[in-house]
Amino acid sequence: LRCELLITLRAGDRVMSLLDVLPDDFTPLPR
């Protein structure tokens, strides 16, 4: 899965990136 990733930075800013994730790693993550 190619995911859009929203990262909260140490200073409180948020940035967007992309992250490829295997489905078996994505499915159990909390929604």
PDB file of all heavy atoms in Angstrom:
ATOM      1  N   LEU A   1       0.857  -1.178   0.000  1.00  0.00           N
ATOM      2  CA  LEU A   1       0.000   0.000   0.000  1.00  0.00           C
ATOM      3  C   LEU A   1       0.893   1.227   0.000  1.00  0.00           C
ATOM      4  O   LEU A   1       1.798   1.338   0.828  1.00  0.00           O
ATOM      5  CB  LEU A   1      -0.880   0.024   1.249  1.00  0.00           C
ATOM      6  CG  LEU A   1      -1.947  -1.049   1.325  1.00  0.00           C
ATOM      7  CD1 LEU A   1      -2.462  -1.194   2.745  1.00  0.00           C
ATOM      8  CD2 LEU A   1      -3.086  -0.696   0.377  1.00  0.00           C
ATOM      9  N   ARG A   2       0.668   2.120  -0.927  1.00  0.00           N
ATOM     10  CA  ARG A   2       1.357   3.409  -0.900  1.00  0.00           C
ATOM     11  C   ARG A   2       0.459   4.336  -0.090  1.00  0.00           C
ATOM     12  O   ARG A   2      -0.668   4.644  -0.471  1.00  0.00           O
ATOM     13  CB  ARG A   2       1.586   3.949  -2.298  1.00  0.00           C
ATOM     14  CG  ARG A   2       2.272   5.293  -2.257  1.00  0.00           C
ATOM     15  CD  ARG A   2       3.172   5.553  -3.412  1.00  0.00           C
ATOM     16  NE  ARG A   2       4.237   4.586  -3.517  1.00  0.00           N
ATOM     17  CZ  ARG A   2       4.893   4.335  -4.639  1.00  0.00           C
ATOM     18  NH1 ARG A   2       4.602   4.991  -5.743  1.00  0.00           N
ATOM     19  NH2 ARG A   2       5.864   3.439  -4.666  1.00  0.00           N
ATOM     20  N   CYS A   3       0.966   4.763   1.048  1.00  0.00           N
ATOM     21  CA  CYS A   3       0.179   5.553   1.991  1.00  0.00           C
ATOM     22  C   CYS A   3       0.659   6.993   2.046  1.00  0.00           C
ATOM     23  O   CYS A   3       1.857   7.262   1.951  1.00  0.00           O
ATOM     24  CB  CYS A   3       0.303   4.960   3.399  1.00  0.00           C
ATOM     25  SG  CYS A   3      -0.353   3.290   3.549  1.00  0.00           S
ATOM     26  N   GLU A   4      -0.299   7.886   2.227  1.00  0.00           N
ATOM     27  CA  GLU A   4       0.033   9.245   2.612  1.00  0.00           C
ATOM     28  C   GLU A   4       0.295   9.194   4.106  1.00  0.00           C
ATOM     29  O   GLU A   4      -0.455   8.563   4.858  1.00  0.00           O
ATOM     30  CB  GLU A   4      -1.116  10.193   2.298  1.00  0.00           C
ATOM     31  CG  GLU A   4      -1.343  10.363   0.816  1.00  0.00           C
ATOM     32  CD  GLU A   4      -2.461  11.344   0.504  1.00  0.00           C
ATOM     33  OE1 GLU A   4      -3.109  11.869   1.439  1.00  0.00           O
ATOM     34  OE2 GLU A   4      -2.697  11.576  -0.683  1.00  0.00           O
ATOM     35  N   LEU A   5       1.369   9.826   4.523  1.00  0.00           N
ATOM     36  CA  LEU A   5       1.799   9.792   5.915  1.00  0.00           C
ATOM     37  C   LEU A   5       1.836  11.210   6.460  1.00  0.00           C
ATOM     38  O   LEU A   5       2.467  12.084   5.859  1.00  0.00           O
ATOM     39  CB  LEU A   5       3.184   9.150   6.002  1.00  0.00           C
ATOM     40  CG  LEU A   5       3.935   9.245   7.321  1.00  0.00           C
ATOM     41  CD1 LEU A   5       3.198   8.497   8.430  1.00  0.00           C
ATOM     42  CD2 LEU A   5       5.348   8.688   7.156  1.00  0.00           C
ATOM     43  N   LEU A   6       1.154  11.440   7.551  1.00  0.00           N
ATOM     44  CA  LEU A   6       1.194  12.725   8.233  1.00  0.00           C
ATOM     45  C   LEU A   6       2.021  12.538   9.496  1.00  0.00           C
ATOM     46  O   LEU A   6       1.646  11.774  10.389  1.00  0.00           O
ATOM     47  CB  LEU A   6      -0.220  13.197   8.585  1.00  0.00           C
ATOM     48  CG  LEU A   6      -0.337  14.585   9.186  1.00  0.00           C
ATOM     49  CD1 LEU A   6       0.070  15.664   8.176  1.00  0.00           C
ATOM     50  CD2 LEU A   6      -1.759  14.840   9.675  1.00  0.00           C
ATOM     51  N   ILE A   7       3.168  13.220   9.543  1.00  0.00           N
ATOM     52  CA  ILE A   7       4.092  13.086  10.670  1.00  0.00           C
ATOM     53  C   ILE A   7       3.985  14.331  11.539  1.00  0.00           C
ATOM     54  O   ILE A   7       4.067  15.460  11.039  1.00  0.00           O
ATOM     55  CB  ILE A   7       5.550  12.943  10.179  1.00  0.00           C
ATOM     56  CG1 ILE A   7       5.702  11.765   9.228  1.00  0.00           C
ATOM     57  CG2 ILE A   7       6.504  12.819  11.365  1.00  0.00           C
ATOM     58  CD1 ILE A   7       7.074  11.697   8.560  1.00  0.00           C
ATOM     59  N   THR A   8       3.834  14.120  12.826  1.00  0.00           N
ATOM     60  CA  THR A   8       3.913  15.218  13.786  1.00  0.00           C
ATOM     61  C   THR A   8       5.373  15.357  14.185  1.00  0.00           C
ATOM     62  O   THR A   8       6.005  14.384  14.618  1.00  0.00           O
ATOM     63  CB  THR A   8       3.049  14.923  15.035  1.00  0.00           C
ATOM     64  OG1 THR A   8       1.710  14.674  14.613  1.00  0.00           O
ATOM     65  CG2 THR A   8       3.085  16.081  16.008  1.00  0.00           C
ATOM     66  N   LEU A   9       5.916  16.550  14.007  1.00  0.00           N
ATOM     67  CA  LEU A   9       7.323  16.793  14.312  1.00  0.00           C
ATOM     68  C   LEU A   9       7.499  17.240  15.760  1.00  0.00           C
ATOM     69  O   LEU A   9       6.543  17.652  16.417  1.00  0.00           O
ATOM     70  CB  LEU A   9       7.893  17.840  13.359  1.00  0.00           C
ATOM     71  CG  LEU A   9       7.840  17.473  11.870  1.00  0.00           C
ATOM     72  CD1 LEU A   9       8.349  18.629  11.024  1.00  0.00           C
ATOM     73  CD2 LEU A   9       8.628  16.200  11.598  1.00  0.00           C
ATOM     74  N   ARG A  10       8.726  17.192  16.217  1.00  0.00           N
ATOM     75  CA  ARG A  10       9.057  17.560  17.599  1.00  0.00           C
ATOM     76  C   ARG A  10       8.564  18.965  17.962  1.00  0.00           C
ATOM     77  O   ARG A  10       8.107  19.202  19.071  1.00  0.00           O
ATOM     78  CB  ARG A  10      10.557  17.457  17.835  1.00  0.00           C
ATOM     79  CG  ARG A  10      11.053  16.029  17.848  1.00  0.00           C
ATOM     80  CD  ARG A  10      12.560  15.968  18.044  1.00  0.00           C
ATOM     81  NE  ARG A  10      13.017  14.595  17.978  1.00  0.00           N
ATOM     82  CZ  ARG A  10      13.079  13.780  19.021  1.00  0.00           C
ATOM     83  NH1 ARG A  10      12.740  14.195  20.210  1.00  0.00           N
ATOM     84  NH2 ARG A  10      13.504  12.533  18.855  1.00  0.00           N
ATOM     85  N   ALA A  11       8.660  19.903  17.033  1.00  0.00           N
ATOM     86  CA  ALA A  11       8.250  21.285  17.301  1.00  0.00           C
ATOM     87  C   ALA A  11       6.739  21.481  17.165  1.00  0.00           C
ATOM     88  O   ALA A  11       6.242  22.583  17.357  1.00  0.00           O
ATOM     89  CB  ALA A  11       8.992  22.234  16.358  1.00  0.00           C
ATOM     90  N   GLY A  12       6.002  20.422  16.818  1.00  0.00           N
ATOM     91  CA  GLY A  12       4.554  20.521  16.681  1.00  0.00           C
ATOM     92  C   GLY A  12       4.070  20.699  15.260  1.00  0.00           C
ATOM     93  O   GLY A  12       2.881  20.579  14.993  1.00  0.00           O
ATOM     94  N   ASP A  13       4.991  21.010  14.329  1.00  0.00           N
ATOM     95  CA  ASP A  13       4.606  21.104  12.918  1.00  0.00           C
ATOM     96  C   ASP A  13       4.165  19.730  12.432  1.00  0.00           C
ATOM     97  O   ASP A  13       4.515  18.699  13.021  1.00  0.00           O
ATOM     98  CB  ASP A  13       5.796  21.557  12.057  1.00  0.00           C
ATOM     99  CG  ASP A  13       6.300  22.937  12.415  1.00  0.00           C
ATOM    100  OD1 ASP A  13       5.493  23.760  12.885  1.00  0.00           O
ATOM    101  OD2 ASP A  13       7.497  23.190  12.219  1.00  0.00           O
ATOM    102  N   ARG A  14       3.439  19.722  11.327  1.00  0.00           N
ATOM    103  CA  ARG A  14       3.065  18.467  10.677  1.00  0.00           C
ATOM    104  C   ARG A  14       3.543  18.531   9.246  1.00  0.00           C
ATOM    105  O   ARG A  14       3.425  19.559   8.586  1.00  0.00           O
ATOM    106  CB  ARG A  14       1.566  18.255  10.738  1.00  0.00           C
ATOM    107  CG  ARG A  14       1.095  17.963  12.152  1.00  0.00           C
ATOM    108  CD  ARG A  14      -0.300  17.404  12.125  1.00  0.00           C
ATOM    109  NE  ARG A  14      -0.677  16.926  13.418  1.00  0.00           N
ATOM    110  CZ  ARG A  14      -1.483  17.580  14.253  1.00  0.00           C
ATOM    111  NH1 ARG A  14      -1.984  18.732  13.896  1.00  0.00           N
ATOM    112  NH2 ARG A  14      -1.792  17.058  15.411  1.00  0.00           N
ATOM    113  N   VAL A  15       4.072  17.411   8.773  1.00  0.00           N
ATOM    114  CA  VAL A  15       4.532  17.315   7.397  1.00  0.00           C
ATOM    115  C   VAL A  15       3.951  16.063   6.765  1.00  0.00           C
ATOM    116  O   VAL A  15       3.607  15.105   7.453  1.00  0.00           O
ATOM    117  CB  VAL A  15       6.087  17.291   7.297  1.00  0.00           C
ATOM    118  CG1 VAL A  15       6.678  18.616   7.738  1.00  0.00           C
ATOM    119  CG2 VAL A  15       6.682  16.139   8.082  1.00  0.00           C
ATOM    120  N   MET A  16       3.855  16.098   5.442  1.00  0.00           N
ATOM    121  CA  MET A  16       3.314  14.978   4.689  1.00  0.00           C
ATOM    122  C   MET A  16       4.429  14.284   3.934  1.00  0.00           C
ATOM    123  O   MET A  16       5.344  14.924   3.427  1.00  0.00           O
ATOM    124  CB  MET A  16       2.265  15.482   3.703  1.00  0.00           C
ATOM    125  CG  MET A  16       1.368  14.406   3.118  1.00  0.00           C
ATOM    126  SD  MET A  16       2.087  13.405   1.808  1.00  0.00           S
ATOM    127  CE  MET A  16       1.655  14.319   0.381  1.00  0.00           C
ATOM    128  N   SER A  17       4.359  12.963   3.905  1.00  0.00           N
ATOM    129  CA  SER A  17       5.284  12.157   3.126  1.00  0.00           C
ATOM    130  C   SER A  17       4.496  10.976   2.580  1.00  0.00           C
ATOM    131  O   SER A  17       3.287  10.863   2.808  1.00  0.00           O
ATOM    132  CB  SER A  17       6.445  11.679   4.018  1.00  0.00           C
ATOM    133  OG  SER A  17       7.418  11.016   3.237  1.00  0.00           O
ATOM    134  N   LEU A  18       5.171  10.122   1.862  1.00  0.00           N
ATOM    135  CA  LEU A  18       4.586   8.873   1.393  1.00  0.00           C
ATOM    136  C   LEU A  18       5.356   7.728   2.027  1.00  0.00           C
ATOM    137  O   LEU A  18       6.561   7.837   2.271  1.00  0.00           O
ATOM    138  CB  LEU A  18       4.657   8.770  -0.129  1.00  0.00           C
ATOM    139  CG  LEU A  18       3.871   9.815  -0.900  1.00  0.00           C
ATOM    140  CD1 LEU A  18       4.152   9.689  -2.404  1.00  0.00           C
ATOM    141  CD2 LEU A  18       2.378   9.707  -0.637  1.00  0.00           C
ATOM    142  N   LEU A  19       4.658   6.641   2.277  1.00  0.00           N
ATOM    143  CA  LEU A  19       5.292   5.468   2.865  1.00  0.00           C
ATOM    144  C   LEU A  19       4.649   4.222   2.285  1.00  0.00           C
ATOM    145  O   LEU A  19       3.427   4.077   2.333  1.00  0.00           O
ATOM    146  CB  LEU A  19       5.144   5.491   4.389  1.00  0.00           C
ATOM    147  CG  LEU A  19       5.715   4.307   5.162  1.00  0.00           C
ATOM    148  CD1 LEU A  19       7.217   4.165   4.916  1.00  0.00           C
ATOM    149  CD2 LEU A  19       5.429   4.453   6.649  1.00  0.00           C
ATOM    150  N   ASP A  20       5.462   3.347   1.719  1.00  0.00           N
ATOM    151  CA  ASP A  20       4.974   2.060   1.233  1.00  0.00           C
ATOM    152  C   ASP A  20       4.941   1.090   2.407  1.00  0.00           C
ATOM    153  O   ASP A  20       5.938   0.933   3.127  1.00  0.00           O
ATOM    154  CB  ASP A  20       5.872   1.524   0.117  1.00  0.00           C
ATOM    155  CG  ASP A  20       5.703   2.289  -1.186  1.00  0.00           C
ATOM    156  OD1 ASP A  20       4.716   3.049  -1.308  1.00  0.00           O
ATOM    157  OD2 ASP A  20       6.548   2.133  -2.083  1.00  0.00           O
ATOM    158  N   VAL A  21       3.779   0.455   2.596  1.00  0.00           N
ATOM    159  CA  VAL A  21       3.550  -0.421   3.739  1.00  0.00           C
ATOM    160  C   VAL A  21       2.961  -1.733   3.236  1.00  0.00           C
ATOM    161  O   VAL A  21       2.051  -1.734   2.405  1.00  0.00           O
ATOM    162  CB  VAL A  21       2.565   0.241   4.740  1.00  0.00           C
ATOM    163  CG1 VAL A  21       2.275  -0.659   5.914  1.00  0.00           C
ATOM    164  CG2 VAL A  21       3.093   1.589   5.202  1.00  0.00           C
ATOM    165  N   LEU A  22       3.466  -2.842   3.758  1.00  0.00           N
ATOM    166  CA  LEU A  22       2.891  -4.140   3.408  1.00  0.00           C
ATOM    167  C   LEU A  22       1.505  -4.260   4.049  1.00  0.00           C
ATOM    168  O   LEU A  22       1.301  -3.801   5.180  1.00  0.00           O
ATOM    169  CB  LEU A  22       3.793  -5.265   3.888  1.00  0.00           C
ATOM    170  CG  LEU A  22       5.188  -5.298   3.278  1.00  0.00           C
ATOM    171  CD1 LEU A  22       5.976  -6.488   3.837  1.00  0.00           C
ATOM    172  CD2 LEU A  22       5.149  -5.361   1.765  1.00  0.00           C
ATOM    173  N   PRO A  23       0.558  -4.878   3.348  1.00  0.00           N
ATOM    174  CA  PRO A  23      -0.799  -4.998   3.893  1.00  0.00           C
ATOM    175  C   PRO A  23      -0.835  -5.676   5.267  1.00  0.00           C
ATOM    176  O   PRO A  23      -1.617  -5.279   6.126  1.00  0.00           O
ATOM    177  CB  PRO A  23      -1.544  -5.841   2.846  1.00  0.00           C
ATOM    178  CG  PRO A  23      -0.771  -5.641   1.591  1.00  0.00           C
ATOM    179  CD  PRO A  23       0.659  -5.431   1.998  1.00  0.00           C
ATOM    180  N   ASP A  24       0.024  -6.682   5.476  1.00  0.00           N
ATOM    181  CA  ASP A  24       0.043  -7.366   6.773  1.00  0.00           C
ATOM    182  C   ASP A  24       0.531  -6.470   7.898  1.00  0.00           C
ATOM    183  O   ASP A  24       0.259  -6.736   9.071  1.00  0.00           O
ATOM    184  CB  ASP A  24       0.913  -8.622   6.708  1.00  0.00           C
ATOM    185  CG  ASP A  24       0.274  -9.729   5.889  1.00  0.00           C
ATOM    186  OD1 ASP A  24      -0.940  -9.654   5.600  1.00  0.00           O
ATOM    187  OD2 ASP A  24       0.992 -10.687   5.533  1.00  0.00           O
ATOM    188  N   ASP A  25       1.266  -5.408   7.560  1.00  0.00           N
ATOM    189  CA  ASP A  25       1.697  -4.437   8.569  1.00  0.00           C
ATOM    190  C   ASP A  25       0.652  -3.343   8.763  1.00  0.00           C
ATOM    191  O   ASP A  25       0.539  -2.775   9.850  1.00  0.00           O
ATOM    192  CB  ASP A  25       3.028  -3.791   8.163  1.00  0.00           C
ATOM    193  CG  ASP A  25       4.191  -4.770   8.179  1.00  0.00           C
ATOM    194  OD1 ASP A  25       4.134  -5.765   8.930  1.00  0.00           O
ATOM    195  OD2 ASP A  25       5.164  -4.540   7.433  1.00  0.00           O
ATOM    196  N   PHE A  26      -0.122  -3.041   7.709  1.00  0.00           N
ATOM    197  CA  PHE A  26      -1.122  -1.971   7.759  1.00  0.00           C
ATOM    198  C   PHE A  26      -2.381  -2.405   8.514  1.00  0.00           C
ATOM    199  O   PHE A  26      -2.883  -1.666   9.372  1.00  0.00           O
ATOM    200  CB  PHE A  26      -1.486  -1.553   6.333  1.00  0.00           C
ATOM    201  CG  PHE A  26      -2.449  -0.408   6.246  1.00  0.00           C
ATOM    202  CD1 PHE A  26      -1.998   0.902   6.307  1.00  0.00           C
ATOM    203  CD2 PHE A  26      -3.816  -0.626   6.095  1.00  0.00           C
ATOM    204  CE1 PHE A  26      -2.878   1.973   6.225  1.00  0.00           C
ATOM    205  CE2 PHE A  26      -4.704   0.434   6.011  1.00  0.00           C
ATOM    206  CZ  PHE A  26      -4.228   1.736   6.073  1.00  0.00           C
ATOM    207  N   THR A  27      -2.871  -3.580   8.212  1.00  0.00           N
ATOM    208  CA  THR A  27      -4.163  -4.040   8.727  1.00  0.00           C
ATOM    209  C   THR A  27      -4.289  -3.968  10.251  1.00  0.00           C
ATOM    210  O   THR A  27      -5.297  -3.463  10.750  1.00  0.00           O
ATOM    211  CB  THR A  27      -4.463  -5.461   8.213  1.00  0.00           C
ATOM    212  OG1 THR A  27      -4.469  -5.425   6.784  1.00  0.00           O
ATOM    213  CG2 THR A  27      -5.788  -5.982   8.727  1.00  0.00           C
ATOM    214  N   PRO A  28      -3.308  -4.450  11.017  1.00  0.00           N
ATOM    215  CA  PRO A  28      -3.504  -4.450  12.474  1.00  0.00           C
ATOM    216  C   PRO A  28      -3.331  -3.085  13.162  1.00  0.00           C
ATOM    217  O   PRO A  28      -3.612  -2.963  14.353  1.00  0.00           O
ATOM    218  CB  PRO A  28      -2.439  -5.425  12.975  1.00  0.00           C
ATOM    219  CG  PRO A  28      -1.378  -5.423  11.942  1.00  0.00           C
ATOM    220  CD  PRO A  28      -2.079  -5.155  10.641  1.00  0.00           C
ATOM    221  N   LEU A  29      -2.895  -2.073  12.435  1.00  0.00           N
ATOM    222  CA  LEU A  29      -2.705  -0.762  13.052  1.00  0.00           C
ATOM    223  C   LEU A  29      -4.043  -0.196  13.509  1.00  0.00           C
ATOM    224  O   LEU A  29      -5.061  -0.388  12.844  1.00  0.00           O
ATOM    225  CB  LEU A  29      -2.044   0.199  12.061  1.00  0.00           C
ATOM    226  CG  LEU A  29      -0.628  -0.151  11.619  1.00  0.00           C
ATOM    227  CD1 LEU A  29      -0.185   0.764  10.477  1.00  0.00           C
ATOM    228  CD2 LEU A  29       0.351  -0.076  12.782  1.00  0.00           C
ATOM    229  N   PRO A  30      -4.048   0.521  14.624  1.00  0.00           N
ATOM    230  CA  PRO A  30      -5.312   1.102  15.095  1.00  0.00           C
ATOM    231  C   PRO A  30      -5.804   2.198  14.163  1.00  0.00           C
ATOM    232  O   PRO A  30      -5.009   2.948  13.598  1.00  0.00           O
ATOM    233  CB  PRO A  30      -4.960   1.666  16.478  1.00  0.00           C
ATOM    234  CG  PRO A  30      -3.484   1.834  16.481  1.00  0.00           C
ATOM    235  CD  PRO A  30      -2.928   0.831  15.511  1.00  0.00           C
ATOM    236  N   ARG A  31      -7.111   2.264  14.011  1.00  0.00           N
ATOM    237  CA  ARG A  31      -7.676   3.315  13.159  1.00  0.00           C
ATOM    238  C   ARG A  31      -8.201   4.452  14.025  1.00  0.00           C
ATOM    239  O   ARG A  31      -8.404   4.291  15.225  1.00  0.00           O
ATOM    240  CB  ARG A  31      -8.730   2.759  12.240  1.00  0.00           C
ATOM    241  CG  ARG A  31      -9.833   2.057  12.902  1.00  0.00           C
ATOM    242  CD  ARG A  31     -10.748   1.442  11.885  1.00  0.00           C
ATOM    243  NE  ARG A  31     -11.047   0.104  12.375  1.00  0.00           N
ATOM    244  CZ  ARG A  31     -11.862  -0.708  11.811  1.00  0.00           C
ATOM    245  NH1 ARG A  31     -12.461  -0.394  10.717  1.00  0.00           N
ATOM    246  NH2 ARG A  31     -12.088  -1.888  12.319  1.00  0.00           N
TER     247      ARG A  31
END
